[in-house]
Amino acid sequence: MAMKSDDSKKRGFYTASRFPNRRGDDWQGPVVDYKEIELLRKFLTTSSKMMSRKRAGTNSQEQKALKQAVKQARYMALLPYSSV
């Protein structure tokens, strides 16, 4: 079976950065803070699980920062560990 030229092209998954320049170009700090509860809830499912990178549209650096922020917020009892 011959493949068309369109099918042979590799289609990548493109997502724009979810947190572009949150505090300015020269600021080197966390992408997201554990105190931003409403923002963190956008990246949790209804069962309080973290969304995947592909579903959330984040890159690896942002996903690691989100993971740390959610862990800190759960430890401080700002977010639940589960939805039950």
N, C-alpha and C. Protein backbone atom coordinates (compact mmCIF):
# COMPACT_ATOMS: atom_id res chain seq x y z
N MET A 1 0.83 -1.17 0.00
CA MET A 1 0.00 0.00 0.00
C MET A 1 0.89 1.24 0.00
N ALA A 2 0.68 2.09 -0.93
CA ALA A 2 1.50 3.30 -1.04
C ALA A 2 0.96 4.38 -0.11
N MET A 3 1.88 5.07 0.56
CA MET A 3 1.48 6.14 1.47
C MET A 3 1.50 7.47 0.72
N LYS A 4 0.57 8.29 1.04
CA LYS A 4 0.56 9.63 0.45
C LYS A 4 1.61 10.48 1.13
N SER A 5 1.99 11.54 0.47
CA SER A 5 3.01 12.41 1.04
C SER A 5 2.50 13.11 2.30
N ASP A 6 1.17 13.38 2.37
CA ASP A 6 0.60 14.02 3.55
C ASP A 6 0.64 13.10 4.76
N ASP A 7 0.43 11.80 4.53
CA ASP A 7 0.42 10.85 5.64
C ASP A 7 1.81 10.60 6.18
N SER A 8 2.82 10.76 5.34
CA SER A 8 4.17 10.46 5.78
C SER A 8 4.76 11.56 6.66
N LYS A 9 4.15 12.74 6.62
CA LYS A 9 4.64 13.82 7.47
C LYS A 9 4.28 13.53 8.92
N LYS A 10 5.23 13.77 9.77
CA LYS A 10 4.99 13.54 11.19
C LYS A 10 4.27 14.74 11.77
N ARG A 11 3.16 14.50 12.38
CA ARG A 11 2.39 15.58 12.97
C ARG A 11 2.70 15.66 14.46
N GLY A 12 3.28 16.76 14.86
CA GLY A 12 3.63 16.95 16.26
C GLY A 12 2.48 17.59 17.02
N PHE A 13 2.54 17.46 18.31
CA PHE A 13 1.53 18.05 19.19
C PHE A 13 2.05 19.39 19.67
N TYR A 14 1.44 20.48 19.23
CA TYR A 14 1.91 21.81 19.60
C TYR A 14 1.00 22.42 20.64
N THR A 15 1.59 22.92 21.70
CA THR A 15 0.83 23.68 22.70
C THR A 15 1.59 24.95 23.00
N ALA A 16 0.88 26.02 23.14
CA ALA A 16 1.50 27.28 23.55
C ALA A 16 1.78 27.21 25.04
N SER A 17 2.72 27.97 25.49
CA SER A 17 3.07 27.99 26.91
C SER A 17 1.89 28.51 27.73
N ARG A 18 1.55 27.82 28.79
CA ARG A 18 0.41 28.21 29.61
C ARG A 18 0.74 29.36 30.54
N PHE A 19 2.02 29.57 30.84
CA PHE A 19 2.45 30.61 31.76
C PHE A 19 3.54 31.47 31.13
N PRO A 20 3.25 32.21 30.07
CA PRO A 20 4.31 32.99 29.44
C PRO A 20 4.64 34.25 30.22
N ASN A 21 5.89 34.38 30.63
CA ASN A 21 6.40 35.59 31.30
C ASN A 21 5.47 36.09 32.40
N ARG A 22 5.23 35.27 33.38
CA ARG A 22 4.28 35.63 34.42
C ARG A 22 4.73 36.82 35.24
N ARG A 23 6.04 36.97 35.46
CA ARG A 23 6.52 38.05 36.30
C ARG A 23 7.55 38.93 35.58
N GLY A 24 7.67 38.80 34.28
CA GLY A 24 8.64 39.60 33.54
C GLY A 24 9.74 38.74 32.97
N ASP A 25 10.49 39.30 32.05
CA ASP A 25 11.52 38.54 31.36
C ASP A 25 12.72 38.21 32.24
N ASP A 26 13.09 39.11 33.18
CA ASP A 26 14.30 38.91 33.97
C ASP A 26 14.05 38.16 35.28
N TRP A 27 12.81 37.86 35.61
CA TRP A 27 12.51 37.22 36.89
C TRP A 27 12.74 35.73 36.81
N GLN A 28 13.54 35.20 37.71
CA GLN A 28 13.82 33.77 37.75
C GLN A 28 13.24 33.20 39.03
N GLY A 29 12.11 32.60 38.95
CA GLY A 29 11.46 32.05 40.13
C GLY A 29 10.45 30.99 39.75
N PRO A 30 9.60 30.61 40.67
CA PRO A 30 8.62 29.57 40.35
C PRO A 30 7.61 30.05 39.33
N VAL A 31 7.20 29.14 38.47
CA VAL A 31 6.20 29.46 37.46
C VAL A 31 4.85 29.67 38.11
N VAL A 32 4.56 28.87 39.11
CA VAL A 32 3.28 28.95 39.82
C VAL A 32 3.55 28.77 41.30
N ASP A 33 2.75 29.42 42.13
CA ASP A 33 2.93 29.37 43.58
C ASP A 33 1.84 28.51 44.20
N TYR A 34 2.12 27.89 45.32
CA TYR A 34 1.15 27.00 45.95
C TYR A 34 -0.06 27.75 46.51
N LYS A 35 0.05 29.06 46.65
CA LYS A 35 -1.06 29.85 47.20
C LYS A 35 -2.09 30.23 46.14
N GLU A 36 -1.81 29.97 44.88
CA GLU A 36 -2.75 30.27 43.80
C GLU A 36 -3.70 29.08 43.60
N ILE A 37 -4.65 28.95 44.50
CA ILE A 37 -5.52 27.78 44.55
C ILE A 37 -6.42 27.68 43.32
N GLU A 38 -7.00 28.79 42.88
CA GLU A 38 -7.89 28.74 41.72
C GLU A 38 -7.14 28.30 40.46
N LEU A 39 -5.91 28.74 40.32
CA LEU A 39 -5.11 28.31 39.18
C LEU A 39 -4.78 26.83 39.27
N LEU A 40 -4.43 26.36 40.45
CA LEU A 40 -4.09 24.95 40.62
C LEU A 40 -5.28 24.05 40.36
N ARG A 41 -6.46 24.49 40.72
CA ARG A 41 -7.66 23.66 40.51
C ARG A 41 -7.97 23.46 39.04
N LYS A 42 -7.51 24.37 38.20
CA LYS A 42 -7.72 24.21 36.76
C LYS A 42 -6.94 23.03 36.20
N PHE A 43 -5.89 22.62 36.90
CA PHE A 43 -5.04 21.53 36.43
C PHE A 43 -5.30 20.23 37.18
N LEU A 44 -6.40 20.17 37.93
CA LEU A 44 -6.80 18.95 38.63
C LEU A 44 -8.08 18.42 37.99
N THR A 45 -8.23 17.11 37.98
CA THR A 45 -9.45 16.50 37.49
C THR A 45 -10.51 16.56 38.58
N THR A 46 -11.71 16.05 38.28
CA THR A 46 -12.77 16.07 39.28
C THR A 46 -12.47 15.16 40.46
N SER A 47 -11.60 14.18 40.26
CA SER A 47 -11.21 13.30 41.36
C SER A 47 -9.92 13.77 42.03
N SER A 48 -9.54 15.04 41.80
CA SER A 48 -8.37 15.69 42.42
C SER A 48 -7.04 15.08 41.99
N LYS A 49 -6.99 14.54 40.79
CA LYS A 49 -5.73 14.04 40.24
C LYS A 49 -5.14 15.10 39.33
N MET A 50 -3.82 15.08 39.19
CA MET A 50 -3.16 16.01 38.28
C MET A 50 -3.46 15.61 36.83
N MET A 51 -3.71 16.62 35.99
CA MET A 51 -3.90 16.35 34.57
C MET A 51 -2.55 16.01 33.93
N SER A 52 -2.60 15.28 32.84
CA SER A 52 -1.38 14.97 32.12
C SER A 52 -0.87 16.21 31.40
N ARG A 53 0.38 16.17 31.01
CA ARG A 53 0.97 17.31 30.29
C ARG A 53 0.24 17.58 29.00
N LYS A 54 -0.11 16.54 28.29
CA LYS A 54 -0.78 16.71 27.00
C LYS A 54 -2.16 17.33 27.18
N ARG A 55 -2.88 16.88 28.17
CA ARG A 55 -4.23 17.40 28.41
C ARG A 55 -4.20 18.81 28.98
N ALA A 56 -3.24 19.09 29.85
CA ALA A 56 -3.15 20.41 30.47
C ALA A 56 -2.51 21.44 29.56
N GLY A 57 -1.71 20.99 28.61
CA GLY A 57 -1.05 21.89 27.68
C GLY A 57 0.16 22.59 28.27
N THR A 58 0.88 21.90 29.13
CA THR A 58 2.06 22.48 29.77
C THR A 58 3.32 21.80 29.25
N ASN A 59 4.45 22.49 29.39
CA ASN A 59 5.72 21.84 29.06
C ASN A 59 6.26 21.18 30.32
N SER A 60 7.42 20.55 30.22
CA SER A 60 7.92 19.77 31.36
C SER A 60 8.28 20.65 32.54
N GLN A 61 8.85 21.82 32.29
CA GLN A 61 9.21 22.72 33.38
C GLN A 61 7.96 23.20 34.13
N GLU A 62 6.93 23.56 33.38
CA GLU A 62 5.69 24.01 34.00
C GLU A 62 5.01 22.87 34.75
N GLN A 63 5.05 21.66 34.20
CA GLN A 63 4.42 20.52 34.86
C GLN A 63 5.11 20.19 36.18
N LYS A 64 6.44 20.29 36.21
CA LYS A 64 7.17 20.05 37.46
C LYS A 64 6.83 21.10 38.50
N ALA A 65 6.72 22.36 38.07
CA ALA A 65 6.36 23.43 39.00
C ALA A 65 4.94 23.24 39.52
N LEU A 66 4.03 22.81 38.65
CA LEU A 66 2.66 22.54 39.07
C LEU A 66 2.60 21.40 40.08
N LYS A 67 3.39 20.36 39.80
CA LYS A 67 3.41 19.21 40.70
C LYS A 67 3.88 19.61 42.09
N GLN A 68 4.95 20.39 42.16
CA GLN A 68 5.46 20.85 43.45
C GLN A 68 4.44 21.75 44.15
N ALA A 69 3.79 22.64 43.41
CA ALA A 69 2.82 23.55 44.00
C ALA A 69 1.61 22.80 44.53
N VAL A 70 1.15 21.79 43.79
CA VAL A 70 0.00 20.99 44.26
C VAL A 70 0.38 20.21 45.50
N LYS A 71 1.59 19.65 45.53
CA LYS A 71 2.03 18.91 46.72
C LYS A 71 2.08 19.82 47.94
N GLN A 72 2.62 21.03 47.76
CA GLN A 72 2.70 21.98 48.88
C GLN A 72 1.31 22.41 49.32
N ALA A 73 0.42 22.66 48.37
CA ALA A 73 -0.94 23.09 48.72
C ALA A 73 -1.70 21.98 49.43
N ARG A 74 -1.48 20.74 49.04
CA ARG A 74 -2.13 19.62 49.73
C ARG A 74 -1.58 19.47 51.14
N TYR A 75 -0.29 19.64 51.31
CA TYR A 75 0.32 19.54 52.63
C TYR A 75 -0.21 20.64 53.55
N MET A 76 -0.43 21.84 53.01
CA MET A 76 -0.94 22.97 53.80
C MET A 76 -2.46 22.93 53.93
N ALA A 77 -3.11 21.87 53.41
CA ALA A 77 -4.55 21.67 53.47
C ALA A 77 -5.32 22.73 52.69
N LEU A 78 -4.71 23.25 51.63
CA LEU A 78 -5.41 24.19 50.76
C LEU A 78 -6.13 23.46 49.63
N LEU A 79 -5.64 22.27 49.27
CA LEU A 79 -6.26 21.40 48.27
C LEU A 79 -6.47 20.04 48.89
N PRO A 80 -7.53 19.33 48.47
CA PRO A 80 -7.76 17.98 49.01
C PRO A 80 -6.85 16.95 48.34
N TYR A 81 -6.57 15.87 49.04
CA TYR A 81 -5.82 14.77 48.45
C TYR A 81 -6.71 13.94 47.55
N SER A 82 -8.00 13.85 47.89
CA SER A 82 -8.97 13.14 47.06
C SER A 82 -10.29 13.88 47.11
N SER A 83 -11.19 13.51 46.20
CA SER A 83 -12.46 14.21 46.12
C SER A 83 -13.51 13.66 47.07
N VAL A 84 -13.22 12.56 47.71
CA VAL A 84 -14.20 11.92 48.62
C VAL A 84 -14.19 12.57 49.97
